Protein backbone atom coordinates (compact mmCIF):
# COMPACT_ATOMS: atom_id res chain seq x y z
CA MET A 1 -2.37 -48.55 -40.07
CA THR A 2 -5.24 -46.67 -38.44
CA GLU A 3 -3.13 -43.64 -37.60
CA ALA A 4 -1.65 -43.42 -41.09
CA ALA A 5 -4.93 -43.81 -42.99
CA THR A 6 -5.45 -41.04 -45.53
CA ILE A 7 -8.69 -40.49 -47.42
CA SER A 8 -8.19 -41.05 -51.14
CA GLU A 9 -8.69 -38.22 -53.60
CA ALA A 10 -12.25 -37.77 -54.88
CA VAL A 11 -12.92 -38.12 -58.60
CA SER A 12 -15.62 -36.35 -60.62
CA ARG A 13 -19.13 -37.71 -60.41
CA PRO A 14 -20.43 -39.27 -63.67
CA ALA A 15 -23.48 -37.57 -65.19
CA HIS A 16 -25.78 -40.56 -64.56
CA VAL A 17 -25.07 -40.61 -60.79
CA THR A 18 -27.84 -38.62 -59.12
CA ASP A 19 -27.77 -36.87 -55.75
CA ALA A 20 -30.03 -39.62 -54.38
CA VAL A 21 -27.37 -42.31 -54.92
CA PHE A 22 -24.24 -40.26 -54.17
CA TYR A 23 -22.54 -40.90 -50.81
CA ASP A 24 -18.96 -40.05 -49.88
CA PHE A 25 -17.28 -43.10 -48.36
CA ASP A 26 -13.74 -44.48 -48.56
CA LEU A 27 -13.78 -48.28 -48.30
CA PHE A 28 -10.11 -48.34 -47.40
CA HIS A 29 -9.55 -45.27 -45.24
CA ASP A 30 -12.86 -43.98 -43.88
CA PRO A 31 -11.97 -42.74 -40.36
CA GLY A 32 -15.00 -44.34 -38.73
CA LEU A 33 -14.40 -47.65 -40.49
CA VAL A 34 -10.78 -47.95 -39.34
CA ALA A 35 -11.72 -46.78 -35.82
CA ASP A 36 -14.58 -49.24 -35.21
CA PRO A 37 -15.60 -51.05 -38.41
CA HIS A 38 -18.99 -52.53 -37.64
CA GLN A 39 -20.20 -49.51 -35.71
CA ARG A 40 -19.47 -47.43 -38.81
CA ILE A 41 -21.19 -50.05 -40.97
CA ILE A 42 -24.33 -49.78 -38.84
CA ASP A 43 -24.20 -46.02 -39.45
CA LEU A 44 -23.98 -46.66 -43.20
CA VAL A 45 -26.96 -49.02 -43.09
CA GLU A 46 -28.99 -46.39 -41.27
CA ASN A 47 -27.94 -43.34 -43.29
CA ALA A 48 -26.65 -44.33 -46.73
CA PRO A 49 -28.74 -45.45 -49.74
CA PRO A 50 -28.92 -49.26 -50.17
CA VAL A 51 -26.98 -48.75 -53.41
CA PHE A 52 -24.71 -45.71 -53.73
CA TRP A 53 -21.78 -44.35 -55.74
CA THR A 54 -18.74 -43.00 -53.93
CA PRO A 55 -16.07 -40.75 -55.50
CA ARG A 56 -13.24 -42.35 -53.53
CA ASN A 57 -10.69 -44.86 -54.82
CA GLY A 58 -11.39 -44.02 -58.43
CA GLY A 59 -15.18 -43.96 -58.00
CA HIS A 60 -17.32 -47.08 -57.63
CA TRP A 61 -20.68 -48.43 -56.51
CA MET A 62 -21.33 -49.77 -53.01
CA LEU A 63 -24.11 -52.30 -52.52
CA ILE A 64 -25.29 -51.96 -48.92
CA GLY A 65 -28.73 -53.58 -48.67
CA HIS A 66 -29.19 -57.31 -48.23
CA LYS A 67 -31.49 -57.60 -51.25
CA ALA A 68 -29.07 -55.71 -53.47
CA ASN A 69 -26.14 -57.91 -52.44
CA PHE A 70 -28.05 -61.17 -52.71
CA GLU A 71 -29.36 -60.37 -56.19
CA ALA A 72 -26.06 -59.02 -57.50
CA ALA A 73 -24.11 -62.01 -56.16
CA ARG A 74 -26.39 -64.39 -58.07
CA ASP A 75 -26.55 -62.36 -61.31
CA PHE A 76 -23.14 -62.97 -62.87
CA GLU A 77 -24.36 -61.75 -66.25
CA ALA A 78 -24.90 -58.26 -64.82
CA PHE A 79 -22.17 -58.26 -62.14
CA SER A 80 -19.15 -60.06 -63.51
CA ASN A 81 -16.33 -61.50 -61.46
CA GLU A 82 -14.04 -61.04 -64.46
CA MET A 83 -12.46 -57.66 -63.81
CA VAL A 84 -11.32 -57.87 -67.43
CA PRO A 85 -13.61 -59.91 -69.74
CA HIS A 86 -12.14 -63.36 -70.29
CA GLU A 87 -11.93 -63.06 -74.08
CA GLN A 88 -10.26 -59.66 -73.81
CA LEU A 89 -7.75 -60.96 -71.27
CA GLN A 90 -6.90 -63.95 -73.46
CA ALA A 91 -6.30 -61.61 -76.41
CA ILE A 92 -3.95 -59.49 -74.29
CA LEU A 93 -2.01 -62.55 -73.11
CA ALA A 94 -1.77 -63.87 -76.69
CA GLN A 95 0.10 -60.71 -77.69
CA MET A 96 2.85 -61.23 -75.13
CA PRO A 97 6.26 -62.39 -76.38
CA PRO A 98 6.62 -66.20 -76.46
CA ASP A 99 9.51 -66.09 -73.97
CA ALA A 100 7.67 -63.81 -71.50
CA PRO A 101 7.08 -65.28 -68.01
CA ARG A 102 3.65 -66.85 -67.72
CA ILE A 103 1.06 -64.90 -65.71
CA PRO A 104 -1.06 -67.25 -63.54
CA MET A 105 -4.77 -66.56 -63.21
CA ALA A 106 -6.75 -67.01 -59.97
CA TYR A 107 -9.16 -69.58 -61.42
CA PRO A 108 -12.06 -70.14 -60.92
CA ILE A 109 -12.74 -66.98 -58.88
CA ASN A 110 -11.88 -64.70 -61.81
CA LEU A 111 -14.19 -66.54 -64.20
CA ASP A 112 -17.94 -66.40 -64.81
CA PRO A 113 -20.12 -69.41 -65.61
CA PRO A 114 -20.08 -71.63 -67.57
CA LEU A 115 -16.26 -71.67 -67.63
CA HIS A 116 -16.23 -70.99 -63.88
CA GLY A 117 -17.97 -74.31 -63.15
CA LYS A 118 -15.45 -76.36 -65.12
CA TYR A 119 -12.69 -75.15 -62.80
CA ARG A 120 -14.72 -75.06 -59.59
CA VAL A 121 -16.10 -78.62 -59.69
CA PRO A 122 -12.69 -80.28 -59.15
CA LEU A 123 -12.16 -78.16 -56.02
CA GLN A 124 -15.49 -79.06 -54.42
CA GLY A 125 -14.36 -82.53 -53.40
CA VAL A 126 -11.14 -81.13 -51.94
CA PHE A 127 -13.14 -78.80 -49.65
CA SER A 128 -16.13 -81.06 -48.97
CA PRO A 129 -17.42 -81.47 -45.38
CA ARG A 130 -16.15 -85.05 -45.38
CA THR A 131 -12.61 -83.98 -46.30
CA ILE A 132 -12.56 -81.14 -43.79
CA ASN A 133 -14.01 -83.22 -40.95
CA ALA A 134 -11.18 -85.70 -41.47
CA ILE A 135 -8.64 -83.06 -40.41
CA LYS A 136 -10.68 -81.58 -37.55
CA ASP A 137 -8.66 -83.38 -34.86
CA SER A 138 -5.39 -82.08 -36.28
CA ILE A 139 -6.81 -78.54 -36.31
CA ARG A 140 -7.82 -78.94 -32.66
CA GLU A 141 -4.38 -80.24 -31.71
CA LEU A 142 -2.66 -77.31 -33.40
CA ALA A 143 -5.05 -74.82 -31.79
CA GLY A 144 -4.32 -76.25 -28.36
CA GLU A 145 -0.57 -76.06 -28.88
CA ILE A 146 -0.70 -72.44 -30.02
CA ILE A 147 -3.05 -71.29 -27.24
CA ASP A 148 -1.14 -73.10 -24.49
CA GLN A 149 2.00 -71.15 -25.40
CA VAL A 150 0.41 -67.86 -24.30
CA VAL A 151 -1.79 -68.94 -21.37
CA PRO A 152 0.90 -68.63 -18.62
CA ARG A 153 1.72 -65.05 -19.65
CA GLY A 154 -1.73 -63.66 -18.90
CA GLN A 155 -1.77 -61.63 -22.11
CA CYS A 156 -1.25 -61.86 -25.85
CA GLU A 157 -1.57 -59.95 -29.07
CA PHE A 158 -4.20 -62.27 -30.46
CA MET A 159 -3.84 -61.56 -34.17
CA ALA A 160 -0.10 -62.23 -34.43
CA GLU A 161 0.12 -64.98 -31.82
CA ILE A 162 -3.04 -67.03 -32.48
CA ALA A 163 -5.31 -65.76 -35.26
CA GLU A 164 -2.62 -65.73 -37.92
CA PRO A 165 -0.58 -68.88 -37.20
CA LEU A 166 -3.57 -71.19 -36.65
CA PRO A 167 -5.48 -70.93 -39.97
CA VAL A 168 -2.37 -70.16 -42.01
CA LYS A 169 -0.54 -73.24 -40.72
CA VAL A 170 -3.67 -75.37 -41.21
CA PHE A 171 -3.99 -74.15 -44.77
CA LEU A 172 -0.33 -74.52 -45.68
CA ASN A 173 -0.35 -78.03 -44.21
CA MET A 174 -3.43 -78.85 -46.29
CA LEU A 175 -1.72 -77.53 -49.41
CA GLY A 176 1.50 -79.33 -48.56
CA MET A 177 3.49 -76.07 -48.58
CA PRO A 178 6.55 -75.51 -46.35
CA LEU A 179 5.93 -73.29 -43.32
CA ASP A 180 9.34 -71.62 -43.13
CA LYS A 181 8.38 -68.89 -45.63
CA LEU A 182 5.13 -67.95 -43.89
CA PRO A 183 6.06 -64.24 -43.44
CA GLU A 184 6.88 -63.98 -47.15
CA TYR A 185 3.55 -65.60 -48.09
CA ARG A 186 1.59 -63.23 -45.86
CA ALA A 187 3.38 -60.14 -47.18
CA LEU A 188 2.43 -61.03 -50.76
CA VAL A 189 -1.22 -61.65 -49.87
CA LYS A 190 -1.47 -58.46 -47.84
CA ALA A 191 -0.07 -56.41 -50.71
CA HIS A 192 -2.49 -58.03 -53.15
CA LEU A 193 -5.54 -57.20 -51.01
CA SER A 194 -4.49 -53.68 -50.05
CA GLU A 195 -5.39 -51.87 -53.28
CA ILE A 196 -8.82 -51.17 -54.74
CA GLN A 197 -7.30 -50.35 -58.15
CA PRO A 198 -4.05 -52.31 -58.28
CA ASP A 199 -1.41 -51.40 -60.82
CA PRO A 200 -1.88 -54.19 -63.41
CA SER A 201 1.84 -54.75 -63.88
CA LYS A 202 2.48 -54.95 -60.13
CA ALA A 203 -0.51 -57.26 -59.60
CA MET A 204 0.79 -59.58 -62.33
CA GLN A 205 4.25 -59.56 -60.78
CA ARG A 206 2.78 -60.57 -57.39
CA LEU A 207 0.86 -63.44 -58.99
CA GLN A 208 4.06 -64.56 -60.69
CA GLN A 209 5.85 -64.39 -57.34
CA VAL A 210 3.18 -66.58 -55.72
CA ALA A 211 3.43 -69.11 -58.55
CA ALA A 212 7.21 -69.10 -58.30
CA ILE A 213 7.08 -69.76 -54.55
CA MET A 214 4.79 -72.74 -55.15
CA ARG A 215 6.32 -74.21 -58.31
CA ASP A 216 8.86 -76.59 -56.74
CA THR A 217 6.19 -77.99 -54.43
CA LEU A 218 3.71 -78.37 -57.31
CA ILE A 219 6.21 -80.36 -59.36
CA GLU A 220 7.29 -82.43 -56.36
CA ARG A 221 3.68 -83.42 -55.61
CA ARG A 222 3.10 -84.33 -59.26
CA ASP A 223 6.07 -86.69 -59.19
CA ASN A 224 5.66 -87.88 -55.58
CA PRO A 225 2.00 -87.53 -54.47
CA GLN A 226 1.27 -87.15 -50.77
CA ASP A 227 -1.82 -86.63 -48.62
CA ASP A 228 -2.44 -82.97 -49.42
CA ILE A 229 -4.55 -80.70 -51.65
CA ILE A 230 -1.91 -80.22 -54.34
CA SER A 231 -1.49 -83.97 -54.75
CA MET A 232 -5.28 -84.39 -54.92
CA LEU A 233 -5.58 -81.72 -57.62
CA TRP A 234 -3.03 -83.52 -59.79
CA GLN A 235 -5.46 -86.46 -59.85
CA VAL A 236 -8.59 -84.58 -61.00
CA GLU A 237 -9.75 -83.67 -64.49
CA ILE A 238 -10.90 -80.29 -65.79
CA ASP A 239 -13.65 -80.63 -68.37
CA GLY A 240 -12.49 -84.15 -69.18
CA ARG A 241 -8.76 -83.48 -69.49
CA PRO A 242 -5.92 -84.05 -67.00
CA THR A 243 -4.66 -81.09 -64.99
CA THR A 244 -1.48 -79.39 -66.14
CA LEU A 245 1.19 -77.39 -64.33
CA GLU A 246 -0.53 -74.22 -65.57
CA ASP A 247 -3.80 -75.39 -64.01
CA LEU A 248 -2.08 -76.11 -60.70
CA GLU A 249 -0.46 -72.68 -60.73
CA ASN A 250 -3.85 -71.08 -61.35
CA TYR A 251 -5.42 -73.06 -58.51
CA GLY A 252 -2.44 -72.37 -56.28
CA VAL A 253 -2.69 -68.62 -56.76
CA LEU A 254 -6.41 -68.72 -55.93
CA LEU A 255 -6.01 -70.88 -52.83
CA PHE A 256 -2.98 -68.93 -51.66
CA ILE A 257 -4.75 -65.56 -51.78
CA ALA A 258 -8.10 -66.81 -50.48
CA GLY A 259 -6.73 -68.99 -47.70
CA LEU A 260 -4.13 -66.83 -45.97
CA ASP A 261 -6.17 -63.88 -44.70
CA THR A 262 -9.91 -64.34 -44.36
CA VAL A 263 -10.30 -66.90 -41.55
CA MET A 264 -7.86 -65.06 -39.31
CA GLN A 265 -10.02 -61.94 -39.63
CA GLY A 266 -13.13 -63.91 -38.72
CA MET A 267 -11.30 -65.06 -35.61
CA GLY A 268 -10.22 -61.52 -34.80
CA HIS A 269 -13.75 -60.08 -34.97
CA GLY A 270 -15.21 -62.98 -33.01
CA VAL A 271 -12.64 -62.94 -30.22
CA ARG A 272 -12.88 -59.18 -29.93
CA ARG A 273 -16.62 -59.60 -29.27
CA LEU A 274 -16.00 -62.35 -26.72
CA ALA A 275 -13.42 -60.17 -24.97
CA GLU A 276 -16.00 -57.39 -24.67
CA ASP A 277 -18.80 -59.68 -23.48
CA ALA A 278 -18.04 -61.52 -20.24
CA ALA A 279 -21.62 -62.82 -20.03
CA LEU A 280 -21.33 -64.45 -23.46
CA GLN A 281 -18.02 -66.04 -22.48
CA GLU A 282 -19.61 -67.43 -19.31
CA GLU A 283 -22.60 -68.79 -21.19
CA LEU A 284 -20.48 -70.54 -23.82
CA ARG A 285 -18.11 -71.99 -21.22
CA ALA A 286 -21.12 -73.43 -19.39
CA ASN A 287 -22.81 -74.61 -22.60
CA PRO A 288 -20.19 -75.51 -25.24
CA ASP A 289 -22.93 -76.99 -27.43
CA LEU A 290 -23.99 -73.39 -28.16
CA ILE A 291 -20.64 -72.48 -29.70
CA SER A 292 -21.64 -73.50 -33.24
CA ASP A 293 -24.73 -71.28 -32.97
CA ALA A 294 -22.57 -68.48 -31.65
CA THR A 295 -20.19 -68.92 -34.58
CA GLU A 296 -23.00 -68.39 -37.08
CA GLU A 297 -24.41 -65.35 -35.30
CA ILE A 298 -20.93 -63.82 -34.93
CA LEU A 299 -20.35 -64.36 -38.66
CA ARG A 300 -23.60 -62.52 -39.38
CA ARG A 301 -22.98 -59.70 -36.93
CA TYR A 302 -19.35 -59.22 -37.93
CA THR A 303 -19.22 -60.15 -41.63
CA PHE A 304 -15.97 -58.86 -43.10
CA THR A 305 -15.45 -59.61 -46.83
CA VAL A 306 -16.15 -57.15 -49.66
CA PRO A 307 -16.00 -58.91 -53.07
CA PRO A 308 -15.55 -56.65 -56.12
CA ARG A 309 -17.57 -56.91 -59.30
CA ARG A 310 -17.52 -55.35 -62.77
CA VAL A 311 -20.78 -53.96 -64.12
CA ALA A 312 -21.08 -56.02 -67.30
CA ARG A 313 -23.62 -53.91 -69.18
CA ASP A 314 -25.58 -50.67 -69.05
CA MET A 315 -28.58 -51.36 -66.84
CA GLU A 316 -30.95 -50.25 -64.13
CA PHE A 317 -30.39 -52.16 -60.89
CA GLN A 318 -32.62 -51.63 -57.87
CA GLY A 319 -33.80 -48.42 -59.53
CA VAL A 320 -30.23 -47.16 -60.00
CA GLU A 321 -28.66 -46.47 -63.40
CA MET A 322 -25.29 -48.18 -63.86
CA LYS A 323 -22.90 -48.18 -66.80
CA GLU A 324 -20.86 -50.97 -68.34
CA GLY A 325 -17.33 -51.18 -66.97
CA GLU A 326 -18.04 -49.53 -63.62
CA ARG A 327 -16.95 -51.27 -60.42
CA ALA A 328 -19.34 -52.41 -57.73
CA MET A 329 -18.46 -53.67 -54.25
CA LEU A 330 -20.64 -56.31 -52.62
CA PHE A 331 -20.55 -54.85 -49.12
CA LEU A 332 -21.53 -58.06 -47.34
CA PRO A 333 -20.80 -56.66 -43.84
CA ALA A 334 -23.65 -54.18 -44.34
CA ALA A 335 -25.96 -56.72 -45.98
CA ASP A 336 -25.83 -58.85 -42.85
CA LEU A 337 -26.82 -55.83 -40.74
CA ASP A 338 -29.85 -54.89 -42.83
CA PRO A 339 -32.88 -54.38 -40.53
CA VAL A 340 -35.19 -55.38 -43.39
CA GLU A 341 -33.67 -58.87 -43.21
CA TYR A 342 -32.74 -59.13 -39.50
CA PRO A 343 -34.78 -57.63 -36.64
CA GLU A 344 -32.48 -55.65 -34.35
CA PRO A 345 -29.51 -56.47 -36.58
CA ASP A 346 -26.92 -54.92 -34.25
CA ARG A 347 -27.93 -57.24 -31.39
CA LEU A 348 -25.84 -60.41 -31.11
CA ASP A 349 -28.33 -63.17 -30.29
CA ILE A 350 -26.94 -66.70 -30.48
CA ARG A 351 -30.52 -68.03 -30.24
CA ARG A 352 -31.72 -65.83 -33.09
CA GLU A 353 -34.31 -67.44 -35.35
CA GLY A 354 -33.12 -67.46 -38.93
CA LYS A 355 -29.39 -66.87 -38.51
CA ALA A 356 -28.83 -67.49 -42.24
CA HIS A 357 -26.30 -64.94 -43.47
CA ILE A 358 -24.27 -64.18 -46.56
CA ALA A 359 -20.90 -63.82 -44.86
CA PHE A 360 -19.69 -66.46 -47.34
CA ASN A 361 -21.38 -64.67 -50.27
CA ALA A 362 -24.12 -66.21 -52.45
CA GLY A 363 -24.55 -67.52 -55.97
CA PRO A 364 -21.90 -69.29 -58.07
CA HIS A 365 -19.01 -67.63 -56.21
CA ARG A 366 -20.15 -68.61 -52.72
CA CYS A 367 -17.02 -69.29 -50.66
CA LEU A 368 -15.59 -72.70 -51.48
CA GLY A 369 -13.81 -72.84 -48.12
CA SER A 370 -16.85 -72.18 -45.92
CA HIS A 371 -16.78 -75.68 -44.40
CA LEU A 372 -13.13 -75.26 -43.43
CA ALA A 373 -13.75 -71.77 -42.04
CA ARG A 374 -16.62 -72.96 -39.85
CA VAL A 375 -14.57 -75.84 -38.44
CA GLU A 376 -11.60 -73.58 -37.69
CA LEU A 377 -13.78 -70.93 -36.02
CA ASN A 378 -15.67 -73.47 -33.91
CA VAL A 379 -12.47 -75.20 -32.83
CA LEU A 380 -10.76 -71.90 -32.01
CA TYR A 381 -13.64 -70.71 -29.82
CA GLU A 382 -13.92 -74.11 -28.11
CA GLU A 383 -10.22 -74.36 -27.30
CA LEU A 384 -9.81 -70.71 -26.31
CA LEU A 385 -12.75 -70.84 -23.90
CA ALA A 386 -11.60 -74.17 -22.49
CA ARG A 387 -7.96 -73.18 -21.94
CA VAL A 388 -7.91 -69.43 -21.21
CA PRO A 389 -9.53 -67.88 -18.11
CA SER A 390 -12.03 -65.09 -18.63
CA PHE A 391 -10.25 -62.66 -20.95
CA ARG A 392 -10.84 -59.02 -21.80
CA LEU A 393 -9.41 -56.28 -23.98
CA ASP A 394 -6.23 -54.61 -22.77
CA ALA A 395 -7.45 -51.10 -21.91
CA ALA A 396 -3.95 -49.70 -22.42
CA ARG A 397 -3.70 -51.04 -25.98
CA PRO A 398 -7.05 -50.77 -27.77
CA PRO A 399 -7.80 -52.76 -30.95
CA ARG A 400 -6.73 -51.42 -34.33
CA PHE A 401 -8.46 -52.16 -37.62
CA HIS A 402 -8.17 -51.71 -41.38
CA GLY A 403 -10.65 -51.34 -44.21
CA GLY A 404 -10.49 -52.76 -47.74
CA HIS A 405 -11.67 -55.91 -49.44
CA VAL A 406 -11.35 -57.64 -46.07
CA ILE A 407 -12.51 -55.50 -43.12
CA GLY A 408 -9.85 -56.65 -40.72
CA VAL A 409 -8.48 -56.54 -37.20
CA GLU A 410 -4.93 -55.24 -37.29
CA GLU A 411 -4.10 -55.69 -33.59
CA LEU A 412 -6.07 -57.19 -30.70
CA ASN A 413 -4.45 -57.22 -27.27
CA LEU A 414 -6.05 -59.50 -24.64
CA VAL A 415 -5.39 -59.90 -20.93
CA TRP A 416 -6.52 -62.43 -18.30
CA GLU A 417 -5.59 -63.60 -14.82
CA SER A 418 -2.74 -66.09 -15.19
């Protein structure tokens, strides 16, 4: 992907975008970003305005500073998570032919409060710390099995052999989805996240494909409940009414897209850092109790998600004029490297005072799966350090990365003495 990256065509600058807030940056294909993401992000923090407009990918705002991201994430009335206003979308759907295939919606992530809360509350129990802690041992067992398969070889391509199968299998098991179609699932998710301005018809088709893949399992769990998330969601109520198949499809689309990519990228960034830092590996092997602290600091130092927002009204934000309908990206990876918020932000310090970060976003759309992500990351680091001798990057096959809504590790080759 890195070699093939091509900068998108620049569009004309709107009249209200001044020179002071104009900065040319391609979130998907910037050469520096796909070469070494967080080094390029540090450069942005140091040299770009805390809020700027870029002409790439159709033209949009980038929120770089911590304050800008924190305030925008909490202000859903100004920065909407509804890429199309809910009422407008419902009107469009109402005009479709009665026999047209239903288009599932990724609820509640594509809703703003108060409707957002009605759909989010039922999910909170499903992803509570108590629920997640109950499956921690099974996550550890799976991690051990996956890691042990590569240990004798003295090398692995970490993303394909560990970072992808571990969280994806955990999540599919939690959902109660069959594992045999894992490559098909991942291909759909990757396509959905790869476009900054997706073709609406193609995006709808992908959502329909996801719903179709899940439908038999949804119906089976309704009729024969088991110990999984889908069965649990059939038992909850939404605003006082029982869930329907449409509700489960909406939830399924959300969980499918959100759960099959992000944690594996957190693992990729973290393990890359460990592979580059023999001293940190040694310290964590000697003091495993520090791993949870290391997890938090790695999440801050290598934050990787970039949630999109729609500017909901004409306004001035952080001294910058914005217009209704424009797009704004919450560039959380830069927010967590803001020197105003974190002294020496580029330094990884697992004993840092005030490691609070916004890697999981803030406000009403703060990541619902943060408890699960933390458990999976902690377990992965614990088991990897316990089972694999001191590992390093393969000098002959350097890491490859990609930009986009998830700043990701495409390939990470590790070697160790077997």
